[in-house]
Structures are given as structure tokens and as C-alpha cells.
Amino acid sequence: MEKGTQKSASKKLQLGCVQGSALVPIIFKMYMKDLPEHVNADLSITNADDSYIVVAADTWKECNEKAQRCFENYQSFLKSMGMVCNKEKTEIITFQENPDFQIMTSDKVIKPVECIKAIGVILDKNLSWNQHIECVNQRITRVMNGLRTIRRNFNFNQMKTLITSQVFRVLYYGSVV
């Protein structure tokens, strides 16, 4: 066959879009724009293909009941939009210790984790930056080791550009938080 003449088979989609498409974040935002009014959480955030629901209450019992209700509303909302919640990836975190806090689903109990990664920022239950800083440090170390390996192939200005683009993107990601 002549180069460039092969084509993939076409398939008509009834719902959604092809995974990895540049349209995924835009379509997800369109689908999720009404999430806040359906979930009734104190705060709901969507980013790319992630959703975050924040609840607060005066007592742990109230908070747990509210979180359970919001999660059920969230699942119902997703179902109405032709989507499902991946319960294996679903995490909850509490910012104070409570061993009884949990969310029940039809087939799984979700208990709080020690830390979560939200939009590239690692939050731990104590609201310290220790784990996030450690992760950033590891990423920068890997980048610097890679740059050290290739440095002889580039002049000073090229290396400065590489360092700026590769190191500062890691340092500044999530810096607004």
C-alpha cells in the first residue's frame, strides 16, 4: 500500500467522544455545567475529567449525611447525562480525624484517605505541604538528572531554555493554591 493511504475504520458515536480527543475537556465542561445545582454541595468543581465535591457541617454526623446525599445526587446526575462514576478512583478526605466517616455505594464503602491529588496539588488530611513538596522535589530531581545527561549537546542559551521550560513548569504548577 502507498504511504499515507491507510485509514482507520469509521464508527458513529451515539454519546460522548473519542478518548484522548482535544474536545474531551470542552464536552465534559458542557456536560457538567449544571452539576452544582443538582449536587447541592457547599462547593463543586470540575476540571478536565475530574470532579470535586466539598461539604462542611457543624457536626461529623451532619457532614457524613450531607456527603452521602451529595454523592448520591452526583451519581444520579451522572446517570442522567449518560455517564458513570468510577468508584475505584473515587476518594474522600477529611481534614480532621474521624474513623467513622464513610460514603456508602451500592457495592462499595469509601473511607477517607490520607491524601489526595487534586488538579496536580497533593492535599493531606493535616493540610501540610510535606507530601506535595516531596513529590515536586522528586520530579525536579528526575528532570535535572535528564538534563545533566544531555547538557553536552546544547549551548548555554539552549540549556537555559530547557531548564526554564522543564523545571519551572514543575515548580509553578499549582502555585496559585
C-alpha atoms as a PDB file:
ATOM      1  CA  MET A   1       0.000   0.000   0.000  1.00  0.00           C
ATOM      2  CA  GLU A   2       1.119   3.505  -0.754  1.00  0.00           C
ATOM      3  CA  LYS A   3       2.299   5.584   2.206  1.00  0.00           C
ATOM      4  CA  GLY A   4      -0.455   7.692   3.759  1.00  0.00           C
ATOM      5  CA  THR A   5      -3.350   5.889   2.074  1.00  0.00           C
ATOM      6  CA  GLN A   6      -4.470   3.759   5.010  1.00  0.00           C
ATOM      7  CA  LYS A   7      -7.458   4.922   7.027  1.00  0.00           C
ATOM      8  CA  SER A   8      -8.988   3.760  10.285  1.00  0.00           C
ATOM      9  CA  ALA A   9     -12.485   2.326  10.234  1.00  0.00           C
ATOM     10  CA  SER A  10     -15.198   4.891  10.893  1.00  0.00           C
ATOM     11  CA  LYS A  11     -17.632   4.465  13.751  1.00  0.00           C
ATOM     12  CA  LYS A  12     -20.567   6.685  14.585  1.00  0.00           C
ATOM     13  CA  LEU A  13     -20.760   7.645  18.276  1.00  0.00           C
ATOM     14  CA  GLN A  14     -24.175   7.939  19.872  1.00  0.00           C
ATOM     15  CA  LEU A  15     -22.842   9.639  23.000  1.00  0.00           C
ATOM     16  CA  GLY A  16     -19.610  11.292  24.171  1.00  0.00           C
ATOM     17  CA  CYS A  17     -16.412  11.499  22.144  1.00  0.00           C
ATOM     18  CA  VAL A  18     -13.281   9.521  21.443  1.00  0.00           C
ATOM     19  CA  GLN A  19     -10.967   9.183  24.455  1.00  0.00           C
ATOM     20  CA  GLY A  20      -7.943  11.444  24.149  1.00  0.00           C
ATOM     21  CA  SER A  21      -9.688  13.856  21.813  1.00  0.00           C
ATOM     22  CA  ALA A  22      -8.913  17.555  22.199  1.00  0.00           C
ATOM     23  CA  LEU A  23     -12.663  18.041  22.574  1.00  0.00           C
ATOM     24  CA  VAL A  24     -12.927  15.936  25.756  1.00  0.00           C
ATOM     25  CA  PRO A  25     -12.350  18.803  28.258  1.00  0.00           C
ATOM     26  CA  ILE A  26     -14.789  21.083  26.422  1.00  0.00           C
ATOM     27  CA  ILE A  27     -17.504  18.442  26.117  1.00  0.00           C
ATOM     28  CA  PHE A  28     -17.014  17.415  29.755  1.00  0.00           C
ATOM     29  CA  LYS A  29     -17.439  21.048  30.858  1.00  0.00           C
ATOM     30  CA  MET A  30     -20.637  21.276  28.801  1.00  0.00           C
ATOM     31  CA  TYR A  31     -21.991  18.102  30.383  1.00  0.00           C
ATOM     32  CA  MET A  32     -21.035  19.160  33.899  1.00  0.00           C
ATOM     33  CA  LYS A  33     -22.094  22.823  33.829  1.00  0.00           C
ATOM     34  CA  ASP A  34     -25.299  22.077  35.767  1.00  0.00           C
ATOM     35  CA  LEU A  35     -23.580  19.900  38.389  1.00  0.00           C
ATOM     36  CA  PRO A  36     -23.659  22.495  41.228  1.00  0.00           C
ATOM     37  CA  GLU A  37     -27.436  22.877  41.207  1.00  0.00           C
ATOM     38  CA  HIS A  38     -28.004  19.101  41.207  1.00  0.00           C
ATOM     39  CA  VAL A  39     -25.454  18.060  43.835  1.00  0.00           C
ATOM     40  CA  ASN A  40     -26.263  20.715  46.462  1.00  0.00           C
ATOM     41  CA  ALA A  41     -22.739  20.691  47.903  1.00  0.00           C
ATOM     42  CA  ASP A  42     -21.030  23.660  49.526  1.00  0.00           C
ATOM     43  CA  LEU A  43     -18.666  23.715  46.546  1.00  0.00           C
ATOM     44  CA  SER A  44     -18.356  21.632  43.395  1.00  0.00           C
ATOM     45  CA  ILE A  45     -15.501  21.896  40.924  1.00  0.00           C
ATOM     46  CA  THR A  46     -14.918  20.197  37.593  1.00  0.00           C
ATOM     47  CA  ASN A  47     -11.640  20.204  35.722  1.00  0.00           C
ATOM     48  CA  ALA A  48     -10.862  18.247  32.559  1.00  0.00           C
ATOM     49  CA  ASP A  49     -12.450  14.887  33.510  1.00  0.00           C
ATOM     50  CA  ASP A  50     -12.295  15.255  37.314  1.00  0.00           C
ATOM     51  CA  SER A  51     -14.958  16.399  39.743  1.00  0.00           C
ATOM     52  CA  TYR A  52     -14.511  17.598  43.315  1.00  0.00           C
ATOM     53  CA  ILE A  53     -17.335  17.997  45.811  1.00  0.00           C
ATOM     54  CA  VAL A  54     -16.744  19.861  49.073  1.00  0.00           C
ATOM     55  CA  VAL A  55     -19.085  19.659  52.060  1.00  0.00           C
ATOM     56  CA  ALA A  56     -18.940  21.178  55.532  1.00  0.00           C
ATOM     57  CA  ALA A  57     -21.198  20.937  58.562  1.00  0.00           C
ATOM     58  CA  ASP A  58     -21.257  21.677  62.273  1.00  0.00           C
ATOM     59  CA  THR A  59     -21.032  18.021  63.343  1.00  0.00           C
ATOM     60  CA  TRP A  60     -19.430  14.898  61.891  1.00  0.00           C
ATOM     61  CA  LYS A  61     -22.838  13.216  61.679  1.00  0.00           C
ATOM     62  CA  GLU A  62     -24.262  16.107  59.652  1.00  0.00           C
ATOM     63  CA  CYS A  63     -21.170  16.202  57.460  1.00  0.00           C
ATOM     64  CA  ASN A  64     -21.313  12.464  56.763  1.00  0.00           C
ATOM     65  CA  GLU A  65     -25.039  12.617  55.947  1.00  0.00           C
ATOM     66  CA  LYS A  66     -24.506  15.628  53.690  1.00  0.00           C
ATOM     67  CA  ALA A  67     -21.571  13.969  51.905  1.00  0.00           C
ATOM     68  CA  GLN A  68     -23.615  10.810  51.382  1.00  0.00           C
ATOM     69  CA  ARG A  69     -26.550  12.799  49.964  1.00  0.00           C
ATOM     70  CA  CYS A  70     -24.262  14.850  47.684  1.00  0.00           C
ATOM     71  CA  PHE A  71     -22.552  11.708  46.398  1.00  0.00           C
ATOM     72  CA  GLU A  72     -25.917  10.079  45.642  1.00  0.00           C
ATOM     73  CA  ASN A  73     -27.040  13.269  43.853  1.00  0.00           C
ATOM     74  CA  TYR A  74     -23.752  13.262  41.938  1.00  0.00           C
ATOM     75  CA  GLN A  75     -24.250   9.668  40.795  1.00  0.00           C
ATOM     76  CA  SER A  76     -27.851  10.432  39.747  1.00  0.00           C
ATOM     77  CA  PHE A  77     -26.698  13.499  37.829  1.00  0.00           C
ATOM     78  CA  LEU A  78     -24.023  11.500  36.010  1.00  0.00           C
ATOM     79  CA  LYS A  79     -26.539   8.778  35.147  1.00  0.00           C
ATOM     80  CA  SER A  80     -28.951  11.385  33.730  1.00  0.00           C
ATOM     81  CA  MET A  81     -26.106  12.600  31.498  1.00  0.00           C
ATOM     82  CA  GLY A  82     -25.252   9.079  30.277  1.00  0.00           C
ATOM     83  CA  MET A  83     -22.091   8.865  32.404  1.00  0.00           C
ATOM     84  CA  VAL A  84     -20.985   6.801  35.395  1.00  0.00           C
ATOM     85  CA  CYS A  85     -18.814   7.481  38.419  1.00  0.00           C
ATOM     86  CA  ASN A  86     -15.666   5.363  38.604  1.00  0.00           C
ATOM     87  CA  LYS A  87     -15.968   4.207  42.215  1.00  0.00           C
ATOM     88  CA  GLU A  88     -12.482   2.652  42.104  1.00  0.00           C
ATOM     89  CA  LYS A  89     -10.999   6.129  41.578  1.00  0.00           C
ATOM     90  CA  THR A  90     -13.373   7.913  43.962  1.00  0.00           C
ATOM     91  CA  GLU A  91     -11.658   9.241  47.090  1.00  0.00           C
ATOM     92  CA  ILE A  92     -12.740  11.242  50.091  1.00  0.00           C
ATOM     93  CA  ILE A  93     -10.609  13.137  52.545  1.00  0.00           C
ATOM     94  CA  THR A  94     -11.448  14.693  55.894  1.00  0.00           C
ATOM     95  CA  PHE A  95      -9.307  17.430  57.346  1.00  0.00           C
ATOM     96  CA  GLN A  96      -9.745  16.188  60.886  1.00  0.00           C
ATOM     97  CA  GLU A  97      -9.540  12.637  62.197  1.00  0.00           C
ATOM     98  CA  ASN A  98     -12.825  10.728  62.203  1.00  0.00           C
ATOM     99  CA  PRO A  99     -12.607   6.929  61.942  1.00  0.00           C
ATOM    100  CA  ASP A 100     -16.377   6.547  61.361  1.00  0.00           C
ATOM    101  CA  PHE A 101     -16.647   8.793  58.303  1.00  0.00           C
ATOM    102  CA  GLN A 102     -17.523   6.913  55.118  1.00  0.00           C
ATOM    103  CA  ILE A 103     -19.627   7.026  51.975  1.00  0.00           C
ATOM    104  CA  MET A 104     -21.736   4.008  51.052  1.00  0.00           C
ATOM    105  CA  THR A 105     -22.425   2.984  47.464  1.00  0.00           C
ATOM    106  CA  SER A 106     -24.446   0.022  46.255  1.00  0.00           C
ATOM    107  CA  ASP A 107     -21.320  -2.123  46.068  1.00  0.00           C
ATOM    108  CA  LYS A 108     -18.541  -0.314  47.914  1.00  0.00           C
ATOM    109  CA  VAL A 109     -17.704   1.558  51.106  1.00  0.00           C
ATOM    110  CA  ILE A 110     -15.471   4.586  50.508  1.00  0.00           C
ATOM    111  CA  LYS A 111     -13.373   5.613  53.516  1.00  0.00           C
ATOM    112  CA  PRO A 112     -11.170   8.697  53.842  1.00  0.00           C
ATOM    113  CA  VAL A 113      -7.624   8.564  52.507  1.00  0.00           C
ATOM    114  CA  GLU A 114      -4.515  10.200  53.979  1.00  0.00           C
ATOM    115  CA  CYS A 115      -4.002  12.470  50.964  1.00  0.00           C
ATOM    116  CA  ILE A 116      -5.468  13.216  47.548  1.00  0.00           C
ATOM    117  CA  LYS A 117      -4.112  14.737  44.371  1.00  0.00           C
ATOM    118  CA  ALA A 118      -6.449  17.471  43.160  1.00  0.00           C
ATOM    119  CA  ILE A 119      -5.578  19.284  39.954  1.00  0.00           C
ATOM    120  CA  GLY A 120      -1.893  18.463  40.420  1.00  0.00           C
ATOM    121  CA  VAL A 121      -1.696  19.557  44.053  1.00  0.00           C
ATOM    122  CA  ILE A 122      -1.329  16.974  46.821  1.00  0.00           C
ATOM    123  CA  LEU A 123      -3.537  17.738  49.817  1.00  0.00           C
ATOM    124  CA  ASP A 124      -3.094  15.755  53.002  1.00  0.00           C
ATOM    125  CA  LYS A 125      -5.522  15.453  55.901  1.00  0.00           C
ATOM    126  CA  ASN A 126      -3.358  17.791  58.039  1.00  0.00           C
ATOM    127  CA  LEU A 127      -3.245  20.455  55.319  1.00  0.00           C
ATOM    128  CA  SER A 128       0.553  20.430  55.341  1.00  0.00           C
ATOM    129  CA  TRP A 129       2.587  20.772  52.167  1.00  0.00           C
ATOM    130  CA  ASN A 130       5.067  17.989  53.054  1.00  0.00           C
ATOM    131  CA  GLN A 131       3.891  15.353  50.577  1.00  0.00           C
ATOM    132  CA  HIS A 132       3.382  17.888  47.791  1.00  0.00           C
ATOM    133  CA  ILE A 133       6.874  19.327  48.307  1.00  0.00           C
ATOM    134  CA  GLU A 134       8.378  15.824  48.325  1.00  0.00           C
ATOM    135  CA  CYS A 135       6.609  14.980  45.048  1.00  0.00           C
ATOM    136  CA  VAL A 136       7.751  18.225  43.399  1.00  0.00           C
ATOM    137  CA  ASN A 137      11.306  17.590  44.642  1.00  0.00           C
ATOM    138  CA  GLN A 138      11.318  14.086  43.120  1.00  0.00           C
ATOM    139  CA  ARG A 139      10.007  15.364  39.782  1.00  0.00           C
ATOM    140  CA  ILE A 140      12.603  18.151  39.616  1.00  0.00           C
ATOM    141  CA  THR A 141      15.384  15.700  40.530  1.00  0.00           C
ATOM    142  CA  ARG A 142      14.345  13.432  37.624  1.00  0.00           C
ATOM    143  CA  VAL A 143      14.228  16.390  35.221  1.00  0.00           C
ATOM    144  CA  MET A 144      17.624  17.692  36.367  1.00  0.00           C
ATOM    145  CA  ASN A 145      19.196  14.228  36.049  1.00  0.00           C
ATOM    146  CA  GLY A 146      17.884  14.008  32.499  1.00  0.00           C
ATOM    147  CA  LEU A 147      19.180  17.485  31.663  1.00  0.00           C
ATOM    148  CA  ARG A 148      22.570  16.616  33.161  1.00  0.00           C
ATOM    149  CA  THR A 149      22.762  13.643  30.799  1.00  0.00           C
ATOM    150  CA  ILE A 150      22.138  15.717  27.665  1.00  0.00           C
ATOM    151  CA  ARG A 151      23.838  19.002  28.624  1.00  0.00           C
ATOM    152  CA  ARG A 152      26.928  18.472  26.430  1.00  0.00           C
ATOM    153  CA  ASN A 153      24.717  18.534  23.328  1.00  0.00           C
ATOM    154  CA  PHE A 154      23.428  22.059  23.946  1.00  0.00           C
ATOM    155  CA  ASN A 155      24.914  25.521  24.332  1.00  0.00           C
ATOM    156  CA  PHE A 156      24.317  27.734  27.362  1.00  0.00           C
ATOM    157  CA  ASN A 157      21.245  29.534  25.976  1.00  0.00           C
ATOM    158  CA  GLN A 158      19.633  26.286  24.837  1.00  0.00           C
ATOM    159  CA  MET A 159      20.201  24.735  28.271  1.00  0.00           C
ATOM    160  CA  LYS A 160      18.741  27.826  29.926  1.00  0.00           C
ATOM    161  CA  THR A 161      15.625  27.445  27.758  1.00  0.00           C
ATOM    162  CA  LEU A 162      15.373  23.721  28.580  1.00  0.00           C
ATOM    163  CA  ILE A 163      15.773  24.329  32.306  1.00  0.00           C
ATOM    164  CA  THR A 164      13.233  27.146  32.251  1.00  0.00           C
ATOM    165  CA  SER A 165      10.682  25.081  30.351  1.00  0.00           C
ATOM    166  CA  GLN A 166      11.194  21.823  32.256  1.00  0.00           C
ATOM    167  CA  VAL A 167      11.963  22.884  35.823  1.00  0.00           C
ATOM    168  CA  PHE A 168       9.840  25.984  36.244  1.00  0.00           C
ATOM    169  CA  ARG A 169       6.722  24.255  34.896  1.00  0.00           C
ATOM    170  CA  VAL A 170       7.037  21.742  37.759  1.00  0.00           C
ATOM    171  CA  LEU A 171       7.741  24.440  40.342  1.00  0.00           C
ATOM    172  CA  TYR A 172       4.941  26.758  39.279  1.00  0.00           C
ATOM    173  CA  TYR A 173       2.213  24.177  38.604  1.00  0.00           C
ATOM    174  CA  GLY A 174      -0.483  24.758  41.200  1.00  0.00           C
ATOM    175  CA  SER A 175       1.389  27.737  42.659  1.00  0.00           C
ATOM    176  CA  VAL A 176      -1.816  29.794  42.798  1.00  0.00           C
ATOM    177  CA  VAL A 177      -3.039  27.416  45.508  1.00  0.00           C
END
